[in-house]
Structure formats: C-alpha cells, structure tokens
C-alpha cells in the first residue's frame, strides 16, 4: 500500500518496521489481534497518507505513559517496541483498558512535493 501511495523507500521501511513492532506486541502480550491498513486524506484534502490500526483484546496496558518510555518492558525485552513505533510514525495514539485490550493508531503522511 505504501508503494502504491508513492511513499519513498525510506518511509516504506519506517512504516513496515512500525507495523512489525505493533504486530510483535500483539503476539507477545495478547496472542491474537489484528493490524489494519487504510489510505487516509486529511480534512482539507491536501495530504494523503496511510493509517495503521493495531488492536487486540489482550491484558491491556496499566500505565501507557510508562510503556512509551524507552527501555521499559514487562517481558524482559529491550523496551523499544512502542516508543520506536511512535517515533517512526508522524502521528501516534494509544488507548488501553486493563483486561479489555489495546488499540494503537499510527499515521504516516506523504511528504509534500
């Protein structure tokens, strides 16, 4: 999708890496979930981009602020997944309810020519 939208190779790699990190989190913590991709256009129609939605019905994240800190991990990993995915995307939102699941939305916009 990123190729079809005209993203440069560098941005294609950033998007793929962010998706990989989010999918890995789903597998590691929730065991199942979904990652959805959608072409988006901003409100005034001047920009096009790609939205990545990763969601699950896993255990949820008790402290989102802490989970977004480099080096924080509850699984013994390096703790770079969520903070890394946030840095790779232009916009990043996360919501989570303990015992209900987590939803992450990332947006990457095409650079203006």
N, C-alpha and C. Protein backbone atom coordinates (compact mmCIF):
# COMPACT_ATOMS: atom_id res chain seq x y z
N UNK A 1 0.82 -1.20 0.00
CA UNK A 1 0.00 0.00 0.00
C UNK A 1 0.86 1.26 0.00
N UNK A 2 1.93 1.23 0.79
CA UNK A 2 2.81 2.39 0.86
C UNK A 2 3.45 2.67 -0.50
N UNK A 3 3.84 1.62 -1.20
CA UNK A 3 4.42 1.77 -2.53
C UNK A 3 3.38 2.39 -3.47
N UNK A 4 2.19 1.85 -3.44
CA UNK A 4 1.12 2.33 -4.31
C UNK A 4 0.74 3.78 -4.06
N UNK A 5 0.90 4.23 -2.82
CA UNK A 5 0.59 5.62 -2.49
C UNK A 5 1.70 6.57 -2.88
N UNK A 6 2.89 6.02 -3.16
CA UNK A 6 4.00 6.87 -3.56
C UNK A 6 4.98 7.22 -2.46
N UNK A 7 4.94 6.49 -1.35
CA UNK A 7 5.91 6.73 -0.29
C UNK A 7 7.31 6.38 -0.78
N UNK A 8 8.29 7.16 -0.38
CA UNK A 8 9.68 6.87 -0.71
C UNK A 8 10.11 5.60 0.02
N UNK A 9 11.18 4.99 -0.46
CA UNK A 9 11.67 3.72 0.12
C UNK A 9 11.95 3.85 1.61
N UNK A 10 12.49 4.98 2.02
CA UNK A 10 12.80 5.18 3.45
C UNK A 10 11.52 5.13 4.28
N UNK A 11 10.49 5.84 3.83
CA UNK A 11 9.23 5.84 4.57
C UNK A 11 8.55 4.47 4.51
N UNK A 12 8.69 3.76 3.40
CA UNK A 12 8.14 2.40 3.32
C UNK A 12 8.76 1.53 4.42
N UNK A 13 10.05 1.68 4.61
CA UNK A 13 10.76 0.90 5.64
C UNK A 13 10.28 1.29 7.03
N UNK A 14 10.11 2.59 7.27
CA UNK A 14 9.64 3.05 8.58
C UNK A 14 8.25 2.50 8.88
N UNK A 15 7.37 2.53 7.89
CA UNK A 15 6.01 2.02 8.07
C UNK A 15 6.05 0.52 8.34
N UNK A 16 6.81 -0.22 7.55
CA UNK A 16 6.90 -1.68 7.75
C UNK A 16 7.47 -2.02 9.12
N UNK A 17 8.45 -1.26 9.57
CA UNK A 17 9.05 -1.51 10.87
C UNK A 17 8.04 -1.24 11.99
N UNK A 18 7.31 -0.14 11.88
CA UNK A 18 6.29 0.17 12.89
C UNK A 18 5.23 -0.92 12.94
N UNK A 19 4.78 -1.38 11.77
CA UNK A 19 3.78 -2.46 11.73
C UNK A 19 4.34 -3.72 12.38
N UNK A 20 5.58 -4.05 12.09
CA UNK A 20 6.21 -5.22 12.66
C UNK A 20 6.27 -5.14 14.18
N UNK A 21 6.63 -3.99 14.71
CA UNK A 21 6.70 -3.81 16.17
C UNK A 21 5.32 -3.95 16.81
N UNK A 22 4.31 -3.36 16.19
CA UNK A 22 2.96 -3.44 16.74
C UNK A 22 2.43 -4.87 16.67
N UNK A 23 2.69 -5.56 15.57
CA UNK A 23 2.25 -6.95 15.43
C UNK A 23 2.96 -7.84 16.45
N UNK A 24 4.26 -7.59 16.66
CA UNK A 24 5.01 -8.37 17.64
C UNK A 24 4.42 -8.18 19.04
N UNK A 25 4.02 -6.95 19.36
CA UNK A 25 3.40 -6.70 20.66
C UNK A 25 2.10 -7.48 20.81
N UNK A 26 1.31 -7.52 19.75
CA UNK A 26 0.06 -8.28 19.80
C UNK A 26 0.36 -9.75 20.09
N UNK A 27 1.30 -10.32 19.36
CA UNK A 27 1.65 -11.73 19.56
C UNK A 27 2.24 -11.99 20.94
N UNK A 28 3.07 -11.09 21.42
CA UNK A 28 3.74 -11.28 22.70
C UNK A 28 2.81 -11.14 23.89
N UNK A 29 1.89 -10.20 23.83
CA UNK A 29 1.08 -9.89 25.01
C UNK A 29 -0.36 -10.35 24.91
N UNK A 30 -0.95 -10.30 23.73
CA UNK A 30 -2.37 -10.63 23.60
C UNK A 30 -2.60 -11.97 22.91
N UNK A 31 -1.60 -12.46 22.19
CA UNK A 31 -1.64 -13.72 21.44
C UNK A 31 -2.42 -13.63 20.14
N UNK A 32 -3.42 -12.77 20.07
CA UNK A 32 -4.14 -12.58 18.81
C UNK A 32 -4.71 -11.17 18.78
N UNK A 33 -4.91 -10.70 17.58
CA UNK A 33 -5.44 -9.36 17.35
C UNK A 33 -5.43 -9.11 15.86
N UNK A 34 -5.41 -7.85 15.48
CA UNK A 34 -5.40 -7.54 14.07
C UNK A 34 -4.66 -6.24 13.81
N UNK A 35 -4.12 -6.16 12.61
CA UNK A 35 -3.48 -4.94 12.13
C UNK A 35 -4.18 -4.57 10.83
N UNK A 36 -4.73 -3.38 10.78
CA UNK A 36 -5.46 -2.91 9.62
C UNK A 36 -4.73 -1.72 9.01
N UNK A 37 -4.76 -1.62 7.69
CA UNK A 37 -4.16 -0.50 6.98
C UNK A 37 -5.25 0.21 6.19
N UNK A 38 -5.16 1.54 6.19
CA UNK A 38 -6.19 2.32 5.48
C UNK A 38 -5.54 3.55 4.86
N UNK A 39 -5.90 3.84 3.62
CA UNK A 39 -5.48 5.07 2.98
C UNK A 39 -6.31 6.21 3.60
N UNK A 40 -5.63 7.31 3.95
CA UNK A 40 -6.32 8.43 4.58
C UNK A 40 -6.01 9.73 3.82
N UNK A 41 -6.92 10.68 3.96
CA UNK A 41 -6.75 12.02 3.41
C UNK A 41 -7.11 12.99 4.53
N UNK A 42 -6.29 14.05 4.70
CA UNK A 42 -6.60 14.99 5.78
C UNK A 42 -7.86 15.78 5.45
N UNK A 43 -8.33 16.56 6.44
CA UNK A 43 -9.64 17.22 6.33
C UNK A 43 -9.78 18.15 5.13
N UNK A 44 -8.72 18.87 4.79
CA UNK A 44 -8.85 19.79 3.66
C UNK A 44 -8.45 19.16 2.32
N UNK A 45 -8.12 17.88 2.35
CA UNK A 45 -7.81 17.15 1.12
C UNK A 45 -6.43 17.42 0.56
N UNK A 46 -5.58 18.09 1.32
CA UNK A 46 -4.27 18.47 0.80
C UNK A 46 -3.18 17.42 1.04
N UNK A 47 -3.47 16.43 1.87
CA UNK A 47 -2.45 15.42 2.17
C UNK A 47 -3.07 14.03 2.17
N UNK A 48 -2.26 13.08 1.70
CA UNK A 48 -2.66 11.67 1.69
C UNK A 48 -1.67 10.90 2.55
N UNK A 49 -2.15 9.86 3.16
CA UNK A 49 -1.25 9.06 3.99
C UNK A 49 -1.79 7.67 4.20
N UNK A 50 -1.16 7.00 5.14
CA UNK A 50 -1.50 5.63 5.48
C UNK A 50 -1.74 5.55 6.98
N UNK A 51 -2.85 4.96 7.37
CA UNK A 51 -3.16 4.75 8.78
C UNK A 51 -3.00 3.28 9.11
N UNK A 52 -2.32 3.01 10.20
CA UNK A 52 -2.12 1.66 10.71
C UNK A 52 -2.89 1.56 12.02
N UNK A 53 -3.77 0.58 12.12
CA UNK A 53 -4.51 0.34 13.35
C UNK A 53 -4.16 -1.06 13.83
N UNK A 54 -3.62 -1.14 15.04
CA UNK A 54 -3.30 -2.43 15.66
C UNK A 54 -4.17 -2.55 16.91
N UNK A 55 -4.94 -3.61 16.98
CA UNK A 55 -5.81 -3.76 18.16
C UNK A 55 -5.90 -5.20 18.58
N UNK A 56 -6.15 -5.33 19.87
CA UNK A 56 -6.26 -6.67 20.44
C UNK A 56 -7.22 -6.64 21.61
N UNK A 57 -7.55 -7.81 22.12
CA UNK A 57 -8.38 -7.95 23.32
C UNK A 57 -7.56 -8.62 24.41
N UNK A 58 -6.30 -8.21 24.51
CA UNK A 58 -5.38 -8.79 25.48
C UNK A 58 -5.51 -8.18 26.85
N UNK A 59 -4.44 -8.29 27.64
CA UNK A 59 -4.50 -7.86 29.04
C UNK A 59 -4.54 -6.35 29.24
N UNK A 60 -4.24 -5.58 28.20
CA UNK A 60 -4.23 -4.13 28.33
C UNK A 60 -2.93 -3.64 28.94
N UNK A 61 -2.74 -2.35 28.91
CA UNK A 61 -1.53 -1.71 29.43
C UNK A 61 -1.92 -0.86 30.63
N UNK A 62 -1.44 -1.20 31.82
CA UNK A 62 -1.83 -0.46 33.01
C UNK A 62 -1.33 1.00 33.03
N UNK A 63 -0.15 1.24 32.46
CA UNK A 63 0.43 2.58 32.50
C UNK A 63 1.00 2.91 31.12
N UNK A 64 0.19 3.57 30.29
CA UNK A 64 0.59 3.86 28.92
C UNK A 64 1.82 4.77 28.90
N UNK A 65 1.84 5.77 29.76
CA UNK A 65 2.99 6.68 29.80
C UNK A 65 4.28 5.91 30.05
N UNK A 66 4.26 4.99 30.97
CA UNK A 66 5.44 4.18 31.28
C UNK A 66 5.80 3.26 30.11
N UNK A 67 4.79 2.67 29.49
CA UNK A 67 5.02 1.76 28.37
C UNK A 67 5.64 2.45 27.17
N UNK A 68 5.46 3.77 27.07
CA UNK A 68 6.03 4.53 25.96
C UNK A 68 7.43 5.07 26.25
N UNK A 69 7.98 4.71 27.40
CA UNK A 69 9.33 5.14 27.75
C UNK A 69 10.34 4.13 27.20
N UNK A 70 11.40 4.65 26.57
CA UNK A 70 12.47 3.77 26.10
C UNK A 70 13.01 2.93 27.24
N UNK A 71 13.15 1.65 27.00
CA UNK A 71 13.75 0.76 27.99
C UNK A 71 12.78 0.11 28.94
N UNK A 72 11.50 0.55 28.96
CA UNK A 72 10.54 -0.09 29.85
C UNK A 72 9.98 -1.34 29.17
N UNK A 73 9.99 -2.45 29.90
CA UNK A 73 9.45 -3.70 29.37
C UNK A 73 8.94 -4.56 30.52
N UNK A 74 7.83 -5.22 30.29
CA UNK A 74 7.34 -6.18 31.26
C UNK A 74 7.69 -7.61 30.85
N UNK A 75 8.33 -7.75 29.68
CA UNK A 75 8.64 -9.08 29.18
C UNK A 75 10.13 -9.38 29.11
N UNK A 76 10.96 -8.45 29.56
CA UNK A 76 12.40 -8.68 29.51
C UNK A 76 13.03 -8.29 28.18
N UNK A 77 12.25 -7.65 27.30
CA UNK A 77 12.81 -7.20 26.02
C UNK A 77 13.55 -5.88 26.23
N UNK A 78 14.04 -5.30 25.15
CA UNK A 78 14.75 -4.02 25.25
C UNK A 78 13.83 -2.84 25.54
N UNK A 79 12.54 -3.03 25.39
CA UNK A 79 11.60 -1.95 25.67
C UNK A 79 11.63 -0.84 24.64
N UNK A 80 11.80 -1.21 23.38
CA UNK A 80 11.87 -0.21 22.32
C UNK A 80 10.71 -0.29 21.34
N UNK A 81 9.83 -1.28 21.49
CA UNK A 81 8.76 -1.51 20.52
C UNK A 81 7.78 -0.37 20.39
N UNK A 82 7.02 -0.08 21.44
CA UNK A 82 6.04 1.00 21.36
C UNK A 82 6.69 2.37 21.18
N UNK A 83 7.73 2.70 21.96
CA UNK A 83 8.35 4.01 21.74
C UNK A 83 8.97 4.13 20.34
N UNK A 84 9.50 3.04 19.84
CA UNK A 84 10.07 3.05 18.49
C UNK A 84 9.00 3.25 17.44
N UNK A 85 7.90 2.53 17.56
CA UNK A 85 6.79 2.68 16.61
C UNK A 85 6.26 4.11 16.64
N UNK A 86 6.19 4.70 17.81
CA UNK A 86 5.73 6.08 17.93
C UNK A 86 6.66 7.03 17.16
N UNK A 87 7.96 6.83 17.29
CA UNK A 87 8.92 7.70 16.60
C UNK A 87 8.89 7.52 15.08
N UNK A 88 8.54 6.33 14.61
CA UNK A 88 8.55 6.04 13.19
C UNK A 88 7.36 6.63 12.44
N UNK A 89 6.29 6.89 13.14
CA UNK A 89 5.08 7.41 12.52
C UNK A 89 4.99 8.92 12.75
N UNK A 90 4.20 9.61 11.92
CA UNK A 90 4.00 11.05 12.08
C UNK A 90 3.04 11.36 13.22
N UNK A 91 2.04 10.52 13.37
CA UNK A 91 1.05 10.67 14.45
C UNK A 91 0.87 9.31 15.10
N UNK A 92 0.62 9.32 16.40
CA UNK A 92 0.55 8.06 17.14
C UNK A 92 -0.40 8.24 18.31
N UNK A 93 -1.37 7.34 18.41
CA UNK A 93 -2.33 7.36 19.52
C UNK A 93 -2.42 5.95 20.08
N UNK A 94 -2.56 5.87 21.38
CA UNK A 94 -2.73 4.56 22.00
C UNK A 94 -3.79 4.67 23.09
N UNK A 95 -4.66 3.70 23.13
CA UNK A 95 -5.64 3.61 24.21
C UNK A 95 -5.67 2.16 24.67
N UNK A 96 -5.87 2.01 25.96
CA UNK A 96 -5.84 0.66 26.52
C UNK A 96 -6.68 0.61 27.78
N UNK A 97 -7.36 -0.49 27.95
CA UNK A 97 -8.13 -0.74 29.17
C UNK A 97 -7.67 -2.09 29.71
N UNK A 98 -7.20 -2.09 30.95
CA UNK A 98 -6.72 -3.32 31.57
C UNK A 98 -7.84 -4.36 31.55
N UNK A 99 -7.52 -5.54 31.08
CA UNK A 99 -8.48 -6.63 31.00
C UNK A 99 -9.36 -6.59 29.74
N UNK A 100 -9.25 -5.54 28.95
CA UNK A 100 -10.10 -5.40 27.76
C UNK A 100 -9.30 -5.37 26.46
N UNK A 101 -8.10 -4.77 26.49
CA UNK A 101 -7.30 -4.74 25.28
C UNK A 101 -6.71 -3.37 24.98
N UNK A 102 -6.03 -3.33 23.86
CA UNK A 102 -5.27 -2.14 23.46
C UNK A 102 -5.53 -1.83 21.99
N UNK A 103 -5.55 -0.55 21.69
CA UNK A 103 -5.68 -0.08 20.32
C UNK A 103 -4.61 0.98 20.07
N UNK A 104 -3.87 0.80 19.00
CA UNK A 104 -2.84 1.75 18.61
C UNK A 104 -3.14 2.22 17.19
N UNK A 105 -3.10 3.53 17.00
CA UNK A 105 -3.29 4.12 15.68
C UNK A 105 -2.06 4.94 15.34
N UNK A 106 -1.47 4.62 14.19
CA UNK A 106 -0.34 5.40 13.70
C UNK A 106 -0.67 5.92 12.31
N UNK A 107 -0.25 7.14 12.04
CA UNK A 107 -0.45 7.72 10.72
C UNK A 107 0.87 8.21 10.16
N UNK A 108 1.09 7.92 8.88
CA UNK A 108 2.25 8.41 8.17
C UNK A 108 1.74 9.16 6.95
N UNK A 109 2.19 10.41 6.81
CA UNK A 109 1.73 11.27 5.71
C UNK A 109 2.80 11.33 4.63
N UNK A 110 2.32 11.36 3.38
CA UNK A 110 3.23 11.58 2.26
C UNK A 110 3.86 12.97 2.39
N UNK A 111 5.13 13.07 2.10
CA UNK A 111 5.80 14.36 2.14
C UNK A 111 5.29 15.22 0.99
N UNK A 112 5.12 16.51 1.27
CA UNK A 112 4.68 17.44 0.24
C UNK A 112 5.77 17.56 -0.82
N UNK A 113 5.36 17.64 -2.05
CA UNK A 113 6.33 17.75 -3.16
C UNK A 113 6.56 19.21 -3.49
